[in-house]
Amino acid sequence: MVLCAPIMKTMKTTRSAKLFADAQQLIPGGVNSPVRAFRSVGGQPRFIKRAKGARLYDVDGNSYIDYILSWGPMILGHAAPAIIRTIKKAAANGTSYGAPTELEVTLARMINQAFPSMEKVRLVSSGTEAVMSAIRVARGFTKRDNILKFDGCYHGHSDYLLAKAGSGLATLGIPDSLGVPADFAKHTLTVPYNDIRAVQQIIKEQRNTLACIILEPIAGNMGVVPPAQDFLRTLRRLTAENGILLIFDEVISGFRVTYGGAQTLYGITPDLTVLGKIIGGGLPVGAYGGRKEIMDLIAPSGPVYQAGTLSGNPLAVSAGIETLKQLKVRGVYKKLEEKSAALAEGIGQAAKKAGIPLTQTRVGSMLGAFFTSSAVVDWNTAKLSDTKRYGQFFHKMLEQGIYLAPSQFEAAFLSTAHSTSDIEKTIKAAHAAFKSL
């Protein structure tokens, strides 16, 4: 059941409801990734049949302007013609070889050129796999066991990274996950995001046991939370002084906020970087990379083992190469910035006019909007948001054909396919939605 009465005539969702009922008999929770289930906003998920440009089309024939964009990867919009052509061409040559290809070298070179800190790159099949592998090599390089992460930052579902994580755990209110041995979790230390004093204290106490500090340089899994001034720079200094590796998880921000990611935007050089999402052009992919002396520890060059049957899959790599080519076209990020700024300003004005407390955050085409009047700088302040009101807002926007994340604690994204008309329609829908709350 939806949490509120719709603004307009209720959309027909009979087919989605039937599919969700069937799915719950076959798939845990009826979904293959938790946030899709609409648990935090109420109601039932819409089952999507196809997508094109900035729009999704569900099995009941409804269309939506999409601001999830597959949780970030579809920066060129859905079914971008150049990407589809590339995937078809690659598929005609075979879908997996279990052997090296020229395509892998091309994508690795493009990543290195965009992220000079990634002197060597290893391709994998998911962001979770990339983070897990980056931490393994960090431990191998430093010969230390402990890692430090930040509350509300999500780095995939590896056992030792689910402590105080964001994304689905934040959405569903799960503090940690069952099934994670205490012996694993004890090696993961956590502090609040943007709290440099807490980091300094941990380093003082644990400098000889810390292998790495990992973070999203722009948090995107507790909503969008930008780094405080000098936060990243101070982390870089502290880690360098204490022989601790600094890992940037740029699975979301990489190629999203600018071509070289957050590290280019803020001028910080990490030891290791993790990428995903956009570098696969909408297909499953991940990558991790960093200084040669660290990466050369990975098998077969060194003793840190990591492997994957579908790593460097030719379809995903081809789609990634074409996506990065498209993003290098002059003016792409400028246009994304202009569209994102216009959308954020319009939604902010709509909330203000309706007298609804709303705190907005944005870095490029990553947008956040928290239903609170307080500044949001970390997970504790993000949790002050009125999640019930967000659920009401979500459904009122959905009924008007605007598809937002079914969680207060997720980012919204724009693509090059979003038009001025799409943004104007979204702002108009926001005015109506806020007015009805």
Protein backbone atom coordinates (compact mmCIF):
# COMPACT_ATOMS: atom_id res chain seq x y z
CA MET A 1 0.00 0.00 0.00
CA VAL A 2 1.33 3.45 -0.88
CA LEU A 3 1.89 5.86 1.99
CA CYS A 4 -0.30 8.65 0.65
CA ALA A 5 -3.08 9.53 -1.72
CA PRO A 6 -1.81 10.28 -5.22
CA ILE A 7 -1.97 13.76 -6.70
CA MET A 8 -3.29 12.56 -10.03
CA LYS A 9 -5.23 9.56 -11.21
CA THR A 10 -3.56 6.45 -9.86
CA MET A 11 -1.45 4.64 -12.43
CA LYS A 12 -2.42 1.14 -13.40
CA THR A 13 0.08 -1.23 -11.79
CA THR A 14 -1.76 -4.57 -12.02
CA ARG A 15 0.97 -6.36 -13.96
CA SER A 16 3.75 -5.12 -11.66
CA ALA A 17 1.75 -6.26 -8.62
CA LYS A 18 1.28 -9.74 -10.11
CA LEU A 19 4.97 -10.05 -10.98
CA PHE A 20 6.00 -8.91 -7.50
CA ALA A 21 3.73 -11.53 -5.93
CA ASP A 22 5.29 -14.20 -8.15
CA ALA A 23 8.81 -12.92 -7.47
CA GLN A 24 8.36 -13.14 -3.71
CA GLN A 25 7.76 -16.86 -4.08
CA LEU A 26 11.02 -17.35 -5.96
CA ILE A 27 13.43 -14.57 -4.98
CA PRO A 28 14.22 -13.37 -1.41
CA GLY A 29 12.05 -10.32 -0.83
CA GLY A 30 10.99 -10.46 -4.46
CA VAL A 31 14.07 -8.54 -5.63
CA ASN A 32 17.71 -9.19 -6.48
CA SER A 33 18.98 -6.11 -4.63
CA PRO A 34 17.31 -4.92 -1.41
CA VAL A 35 16.52 -1.25 -2.08
CA ARG A 36 14.43 -2.17 -5.13
CA ALA A 37 11.76 -3.63 -2.85
CA PHE A 38 10.33 -0.21 -1.76
CA ARG A 39 10.50 -1.33 1.87
CA SER A 40 11.40 2.12 3.24
CA VAL A 41 8.80 4.03 1.20
CA GLY A 42 5.98 1.50 1.21
CA GLY A 43 4.07 0.14 -1.74
CA GLN A 44 5.26 -2.27 -4.39
CA PRO A 45 8.05 -1.87 -6.94
CA ARG A 46 7.34 -1.19 -10.59
CA PHE A 47 8.67 -3.86 -12.91
CA ILE A 48 10.50 -2.27 -15.83
CA LYS A 49 10.12 -3.57 -19.36
CA ARG A 50 12.39 -1.22 -21.27
CA ALA A 51 14.24 2.09 -21.07
CA LYS A 52 15.26 4.76 -23.55
CA GLY A 53 17.04 8.05 -23.01
CA ALA A 54 15.92 9.55 -19.72
CA ARG A 55 12.82 7.37 -19.43
CA LEU A 56 11.77 4.04 -17.98
CA TYR A 57 8.71 2.11 -19.19
CA ASP A 58 7.06 -0.45 -16.92
CA VAL A 59 5.14 -3.61 -17.73
CA ASP A 60 1.82 -1.79 -17.31
CA GLY A 61 2.72 0.80 -19.94
CA ASN A 62 3.57 3.66 -17.58
CA SER A 63 6.53 5.90 -18.35
CA TYR A 64 8.79 7.73 -15.91
CA ILE A 65 11.55 10.31 -16.06
CA ASP A 66 14.36 8.37 -14.44
CA TYR A 67 16.69 9.88 -11.81
CA ILE A 68 18.07 6.54 -10.57
CA LEU A 69 19.80 5.67 -13.86
CA SER A 70 20.56 2.13 -12.67
CA TRP A 71 22.04 3.71 -9.51
CA GLY A 72 24.43 5.89 -11.49
CA PRO A 73 25.97 4.10 -14.49
CA MET A 74 23.67 5.43 -17.23
CA ILE A 75 25.31 8.85 -17.54
CA LEU A 76 24.54 8.88 -21.29
CA GLY A 77 20.95 7.80 -20.70
CA HIS A 78 19.38 4.42 -21.39
CA ALA A 79 20.03 2.55 -24.62
CA ALA A 80 22.32 5.26 -25.99
CA PRO A 81 22.64 4.44 -29.71
CA ALA A 82 26.46 4.41 -29.75
CA ILE A 83 26.59 2.08 -26.76
CA ILE A 84 24.01 -0.33 -28.17
CA ARG A 85 25.86 -0.48 -31.50
CA THR A 86 29.11 -1.21 -29.67
CA ILE A 87 27.59 -3.99 -27.56
CA LYS A 88 26.00 -5.63 -30.60
CA LYS A 89 29.29 -5.55 -32.48
CA ALA A 90 31.16 -7.01 -29.52
CA ALA A 91 28.56 -9.74 -28.96
CA ALA A 92 28.84 -10.83 -32.57
CA ASN A 93 32.48 -11.69 -31.87
CA GLY A 94 31.66 -13.76 -28.78
CA THR A 95 30.67 -12.92 -25.23
CA SER A 96 33.56 -14.32 -23.18
CA TYR A 97 36.93 -15.84 -24.00
CA GLY A 98 38.75 -16.54 -20.75
CA ALA A 99 41.79 -15.04 -22.47
CA PRO A 100 43.24 -11.52 -22.77
CA THR A 101 41.99 -9.03 -25.36
CA GLU A 102 43.16 -5.77 -26.87
CA LEU A 103 39.98 -4.17 -25.49
CA GLU A 104 41.20 -4.67 -21.91
CA VAL A 105 44.42 -2.83 -22.69
CA THR A 106 42.49 0.02 -24.29
CA LEU A 107 40.17 0.49 -21.33
CA ALA A 108 43.03 0.24 -18.82
CA ARG A 109 44.91 2.92 -20.75
CA MET A 110 41.85 5.21 -20.81
CA ILE A 111 41.39 4.76 -17.06
CA ASN A 112 45.07 5.50 -16.44
CA GLN A 113 44.89 8.66 -18.55
CA ALA A 114 41.83 9.89 -16.64
CA PHE A 115 43.18 8.75 -13.24
CA PRO A 116 47.00 9.09 -13.29
CA SER A 117 47.13 7.74 -9.72
CA MET A 118 46.04 4.38 -11.17
CA GLU A 119 49.41 3.50 -12.67
CA LYS A 120 48.30 -0.11 -13.07
CA VAL A 121 44.70 -1.33 -13.29
CA ARG A 122 43.01 -4.69 -12.72
CA LEU A 123 39.53 -5.19 -14.21
CA VAL A 124 36.93 -7.23 -12.32
CA SER A 125 33.17 -7.77 -12.57
CA SER A 126 31.70 -5.59 -9.80
CA GLY A 127 32.42 -2.75 -7.42
CA THR A 128 32.15 -5.11 -4.46
CA GLU A 129 34.80 -7.37 -5.97
CA ALA A 130 37.05 -4.40 -6.75
CA VAL A 131 36.90 -3.04 -3.19
CA MET A 132 37.49 -6.46 -1.66
CA SER A 133 40.55 -6.92 -3.87
CA ALA A 134 41.93 -3.42 -3.23
CA ILE A 135 41.79 -3.99 0.52
CA ARG A 136 43.48 -7.38 0.15
CA VAL A 137 46.42 -5.87 -1.71
CA ALA A 138 46.56 -2.98 0.79
CA ARG A 139 46.91 -5.51 3.59
CA GLY A 140 49.50 -7.44 1.63
CA PHE A 141 51.53 -4.30 0.93
CA THR A 142 51.48 -2.94 4.49
CA LYS A 143 51.47 -6.33 6.24
CA ARG A 144 48.78 -4.97 8.57
CA ASP A 145 45.27 -6.31 9.21
CA ASN A 146 42.99 -3.46 10.29
CA ILE A 147 41.09 -1.06 8.06
CA LEU A 148 39.30 2.21 8.82
CA LYS A 149 36.03 3.15 7.13
CA PHE A 150 33.42 5.83 7.70
CA ASP A 151 29.89 5.46 9.06
CA GLY A 152 27.35 5.51 6.24
CA CYS A 153 29.85 4.83 3.46
CA TYR A 154 29.01 1.69 1.50
CA HIS A 155 31.76 -0.30 -0.17
CA GLY A 156 29.90 -3.39 -1.29
CA HIS A 157 28.76 -6.40 0.70
CA SER A 158 32.09 -8.02 1.60
CA ASP A 159 31.96 -9.38 5.15
CA TYR A 160 34.31 -6.90 6.79
CA LEU A 161 32.82 -3.84 5.03
CA LEU A 162 29.24 -4.11 6.26
CA ALA A 163 29.99 -2.45 9.61
CA LYS A 164 27.97 0.78 9.82
CA ALA A 165 27.49 0.76 6.07
CA GLY A 166 25.21 2.90 3.94
CA SER A 167 23.04 2.12 0.91
CA GLY A 168 20.63 -0.80 1.49
CA LEU A 169 21.64 -1.28 5.12
CA ALA A 170 20.86 2.36 5.84
CA THR A 171 17.59 2.15 3.92
CA LEU A 172 16.38 -0.98 5.68
CA GLY A 173 17.67 0.04 9.11
CA ILE A 174 20.00 -2.96 9.35
CA PRO A 175 22.94 -2.04 11.62
CA ASP A 176 25.20 -4.80 10.36
CA SER A 177 24.62 -8.16 8.70
CA LEU A 178 24.09 -11.58 10.18
CA GLY A 179 26.54 -14.13 8.88
CA VAL A 180 29.62 -11.96 9.36
CA PRO A 181 32.06 -13.61 11.80
CA ALA A 182 33.11 -11.45 14.73
CA ASP A 183 36.72 -12.22 13.89
CA PHE A 184 36.23 -10.46 10.53
CA ALA A 185 34.36 -7.46 11.90
CA LYS A 186 36.93 -6.77 14.61
CA HIS A 187 39.43 -5.71 11.97
CA THR A 188 37.12 -2.94 10.71
CA LEU A 189 37.26 0.34 12.62
CA THR A 190 34.68 3.05 11.96
CA VAL A 191 34.43 6.79 12.57
CA PRO A 192 31.96 9.50 11.47
CA TYR A 193 32.42 10.90 7.96
CA ASN A 194 34.05 14.34 7.86
CA ASP A 195 35.33 13.94 11.45
CA ILE A 196 39.08 14.39 11.12
CA ARG A 197 39.63 14.48 14.88
CA ALA A 198 38.17 10.99 15.21
CA VAL A 199 40.52 9.82 12.45
CA GLN A 200 43.50 11.35 14.23
CA GLN A 201 42.58 9.55 17.44
CA ILE A 202 42.25 6.17 15.70
CA ILE A 203 45.61 6.64 13.99
CA LYS A 204 47.20 7.58 17.30
CA GLU A 205 45.90 4.37 18.85
CA GLN A 206 46.22 2.01 15.88
CA ARG A 207 48.91 3.40 13.56
CA ASN A 208 50.86 0.13 13.56
CA THR A 209 47.82 -2.03 12.76
CA LEU A 210 46.06 0.07 10.08
CA ALA A 211 46.55 -1.14 6.53
CA CYS A 212 44.33 1.45 4.90
CA ILE A 213 41.64 4.07 5.19
CA ILE A 214 38.86 3.64 2.65
CA LEU A 215 36.14 6.16 1.89
CA GLU A 216 33.87 7.54 -0.76
CA PRO A 217 35.52 10.92 -1.45
CA ILE A 218 31.98 12.12 -2.13
CA ALA A 219 29.63 10.02 -0.05
CA GLY A 220 26.77 8.74 -2.16
CA ASN A 221 25.27 5.93 -0.11
CA MET A 222 23.76 7.88 2.80
CA GLY A 223 22.41 10.39 0.35
CA VAL A 224 24.95 12.77 -1.15
CA VAL A 225 27.36 14.14 1.47
CA PRO A 226 30.30 16.18 0.11
CA PRO A 227 33.65 16.17 1.93
CA ALA A 228 34.25 19.06 4.31
CA GLN A 229 36.89 21.60 3.37
CA ASP A 230 40.39 20.13 3.82
CA PHE A 231 38.97 16.75 4.96
CA LEU A 232 40.45 14.80 2.05
CA ARG A 233 43.69 16.76 2.07
CA THR A 234 44.20 16.09 5.77
CA LEU A 235 43.44 12.39 5.30
CA ARG A 236 46.08 12.28 2.59
CA ARG A 237 48.65 13.87 4.87
CA LEU A 238 47.87 11.67 7.87
CA THR A 239 47.96 8.43 5.90
CA ALA A 240 51.23 9.33 4.18
CA GLU A 241 52.87 10.23 7.48
CA ASN A 242 51.87 6.92 9.07
CA GLY A 243 52.45 4.42 6.27
CA ILE A 244 48.71 3.84 5.82
CA LEU A 245 47.28 3.45 2.31
CA LEU A 246 44.47 5.80 1.28
CA ILE A 247 41.79 4.17 -0.88
CA PHE A 248 39.22 6.23 -2.76
CA ASP A 249 36.06 4.30 -3.57
CA GLU A 250 34.98 6.13 -6.72
CA VAL A 251 32.50 3.53 -7.89
CA ILE A 252 29.87 6.29 -7.93
CA SER A 253 31.92 9.48 -8.34
CA GLY A 254 34.37 8.14 -10.92
CA PHE A 255 33.58 9.73 -14.32
CA ARG A 256 30.37 11.05 -12.73
CA VAL A 257 31.42 14.38 -11.18
CA THR A 258 34.10 15.00 -13.80
CA TYR A 259 36.19 12.90 -16.17
CA GLY A 260 38.89 12.19 -13.60
CA GLY A 261 36.51 11.70 -10.68
CA ALA A 262 36.59 13.25 -7.23
CA GLN A 263 40.38 13.02 -6.98
CA THR A 264 40.70 15.32 -9.99
CA LEU A 265 37.94 17.60 -8.74
CA TYR A 266 39.61 18.06 -5.34
CA GLY A 267 43.24 17.60 -6.37
CA ILE A 268 44.00 14.65 -4.06
CA THR A 269 46.08 11.61 -5.06
CA PRO A 270 45.11 8.36 -3.28
CA ASP A 271 47.26 5.24 -3.19
CA LEU A 272 44.50 3.03 -4.60
CA THR A 273 41.27 3.79 -6.43
CA VAL A 274 38.18 1.66 -7.00
CA LEU A 275 35.90 2.22 -10.01
CA GLY A 276 32.70 0.68 -11.33
CA LYS A 277 29.31 1.66 -12.76
CA ILE A 278 30.09 4.15 -15.56
CA ILE A 279 33.20 2.32 -16.80
CA GLY A 280 30.95 -0.55 -17.89
CA GLY A 281 28.47 1.54 -19.83
CA GLY A 282 25.58 -0.18 -18.07
CA LEU A 283 27.08 -3.68 -17.96
CA PRO A 284 28.59 -5.34 -14.87
CA VAL A 285 32.18 -4.19 -14.31
CA GLY A 286 34.63 -3.00 -11.69
CA ALA A 287 38.27 -1.96 -11.54
CA TYR A 288 40.90 -1.18 -8.98
CA GLY A 289 44.30 0.33 -9.43
CA GLY A 290 47.07 2.40 -7.95
CA ARG A 291 50.81 2.76 -7.60
CA LYS A 292 52.89 0.20 -9.50
CA GLU A 293 54.73 -0.98 -6.40
CA ILE A 294 51.40 -1.87 -4.78
CA MET A 295 49.68 -3.37 -7.82
CA ASP A 296 52.70 -5.50 -8.75
CA LEU A 297 51.98 -7.57 -5.65
CA ILE A 298 48.92 -9.03 -7.40
CA ALA A 299 49.16 -12.47 -9.01
CA PRO A 300 50.67 -13.47 -11.33
CA SER A 301 53.25 -10.74 -10.66
CA GLY A 302 53.17 -11.21 -6.89
CA PRO A 303 51.76 -13.22 -3.98
CA VAL A 304 48.40 -11.45 -3.49
CA TYR A 305 45.86 -13.66 -5.24
CA GLN A 306 42.82 -12.39 -7.11
CA ALA A 307 41.13 -13.85 -10.18
CA GLY A 308 37.83 -13.81 -12.08
CA THR A 309 36.43 -15.85 -14.95
CA LEU A 310 34.54 -12.93 -16.50
CA SER A 311 37.00 -10.18 -15.59
CA GLY A 312 37.54 -7.91 -18.59
CA ASN A 313 34.40 -9.27 -20.27
CA PRO A 314 34.47 -8.00 -23.89
CA LEU A 315 30.89 -6.72 -23.83
CA ALA A 316 31.31 -4.66 -20.66
CA VAL A 317 34.76 -3.43 -21.69
CA SER A 318 33.51 -2.39 -25.15
CA ALA A 319 30.57 -0.51 -23.65
CA GLY A 320 32.92 1.16 -21.17
CA ILE A 321 35.35 2.29 -23.86
CA GLU A 322 32.56 3.86 -25.91
CA THR A 323 31.08 5.54 -22.85
CA LEU A 324 34.39 7.13 -21.93
CA LYS A 325 34.83 8.31 -25.52
CA GLN A 326 31.45 10.02 -25.36
CA LEU A 327 32.30 11.65 -22.03
CA LYS A 328 35.50 13.15 -23.44
CA VAL A 329 33.49 15.28 -25.87
CA ARG A 330 33.95 18.91 -24.96
CA GLY A 331 31.12 20.45 -22.96
CA VAL A 332 29.53 17.23 -21.65
CA TYR A 333 30.20 17.93 -17.98
CA LYS A 334 29.36 21.62 -18.34
CA LYS A 335 25.91 20.72 -19.66
CA LEU A 336 25.41 18.15 -16.90
CA GLU A 337 26.33 20.78 -14.33
CA GLU A 338 23.88 23.29 -15.77
CA LYS A 339 21.02 20.77 -15.86
CA SER A 340 21.75 19.54 -12.35
CA ALA A 341 21.94 23.07 -10.94
CA ALA A 342 18.62 23.97 -12.57
CA LEU A 343 16.91 20.87 -11.18
CA ALA A 344 18.27 21.40 -7.67
CA GLU A 345 17.31 25.06 -7.64
CA GLY A 346 13.80 24.30 -8.89
CA ILE A 347 13.17 21.60 -6.29
CA GLY A 348 14.57 23.82 -3.55
CA GLN A 349 12.24 26.64 -4.52
CA ALA A 350 9.28 24.27 -4.60
CA ALA A 351 10.02 23.06 -1.08
CA LYS A 352 10.52 26.60 0.20
CA LYS A 353 7.25 27.78 -1.32
CA ALA A 354 5.41 24.90 0.39
CA GLY A 355 7.17 25.51 3.71
CA ILE A 356 8.74 22.02 3.70
CA PRO A 357 12.14 21.74 5.45
CA LEU A 358 14.62 20.45 2.87
CA THR A 359 18.42 20.36 2.94
CA GLN A 360 19.97 19.89 -0.48
CA THR A 361 23.43 18.62 -1.35
CA ARG A 362 25.00 18.34 -4.77
CA VAL A 363 28.32 17.68 -6.48
CA GLY A 364 27.94 17.85 -10.25
CA SER A 365 25.23 15.45 -11.39
CA MET A 366 25.05 13.69 -8.00
CA LEU A 367 22.12 15.21 -6.09
CA GLY A 368 20.77 14.78 -2.58
CA ALA A 369 17.70 16.17 -0.84
CA PHE A 370 17.13 15.46 2.86
CA PHE A 371 13.82 16.13 4.59
CA THR A 372 15.43 18.02 7.46
CA SER A 373 16.29 21.64 8.23
CA SER A 374 19.69 20.65 9.65
CA ALA A 375 22.94 20.62 7.70
CA VAL A 376 23.89 17.10 6.58
CA VAL A 377 27.60 16.37 7.01
CA ASP A 378 27.66 12.71 8.11
CA TRP A 379 25.49 9.67 8.79
CA ASN A 380 24.26 10.96 12.16
CA THR A 381 22.94 14.18 10.64
CA ALA A 382 21.54 12.35 7.60
CA LYS A 383 19.48 10.15 9.97
CA LEU A 384 17.64 13.24 11.22
CA SER A 385 15.73 13.26 7.94
CA ASP A 386 11.98 12.64 8.00
CA THR A 387 11.87 9.33 6.14
CA LYS A 388 8.08 9.08 6.37
CA ARG A 389 7.71 12.40 4.60
CA TYR A 390 10.24 11.31 1.99
CA GLY A 391 8.11 8.21 1.37
CA GLN A 392 5.06 10.40 0.82
CA PHE A 393 7.00 12.67 -1.53
CA PHE A 394 8.39 9.67 -3.42
CA HIS A 395 4.94 8.27 -4.16
CA LYS A 396 3.46 11.62 -5.17
CA MET A 397 6.32 12.08 -7.63
CA LEU A 398 6.02 8.50 -8.87
CA GLU A 399 2.32 8.99 -9.64
CA GLN A 400 3.31 11.96 -11.80
CA GLY A 401 5.84 9.92 -13.74
CA ILE A 402 9.00 10.91 -11.85
CA TYR A 403 11.15 7.95 -10.76
CA LEU A 404 13.32 8.77 -7.74
CA ALA A 405 15.29 6.41 -5.51
CA PRO A 406 12.93 4.49 -3.17
CA SER A 407 15.04 5.61 -0.21
CA GLN A 408 15.88 8.87 1.53
CA PHE A 409 19.47 7.67 1.74
CA GLU A 410 20.36 7.30 -1.93
CA ALA A 411 21.60 9.78 -4.53
CA ALA A 412 19.75 11.07 -7.56
CA PHE A 413 21.56 11.28 -10.90
CA LEU A 414 21.19 13.12 -14.19
CA SER A 415 22.24 12.00 -17.64
CA THR A 416 23.07 13.73 -20.88
CA ALA A 417 19.69 12.46 -22.14
CA HIS A 418 17.66 14.55 -19.67
CA SER A 419 16.13 17.47 -21.54
CA THR A 420 15.11 20.92 -20.37
CA SER A 421 11.53 19.74 -20.73
CA ASP A 422 12.23 16.76 -18.43
CA ILE A 423 13.65 19.05 -15.78
CA GLU A 424 10.75 21.50 -16.07
CA LYS A 425 8.24 18.66 -15.74
CA THR A 426 10.08 17.35 -12.68
CA ILE A 427 10.08 20.75 -10.99
CA LYS A 428 6.38 21.18 -11.74
CA ALA A 429 5.70 17.76 -10.21
CA ALA A 430 7.75 18.71 -7.14
CA HIS A 431 5.65 21.85 -6.61
CA ALA A 432 2.49 19.73 -6.64
CA ALA A 433 4.01 17.05 -4.44
CA PHE A 434 5.32 19.47 -1.80
CA LYS A 435 2.06 21.39 -1.78
CA SER A 436 0.13 18.22 -0.96
CA LEU A 437 2.37 17.11 1.92
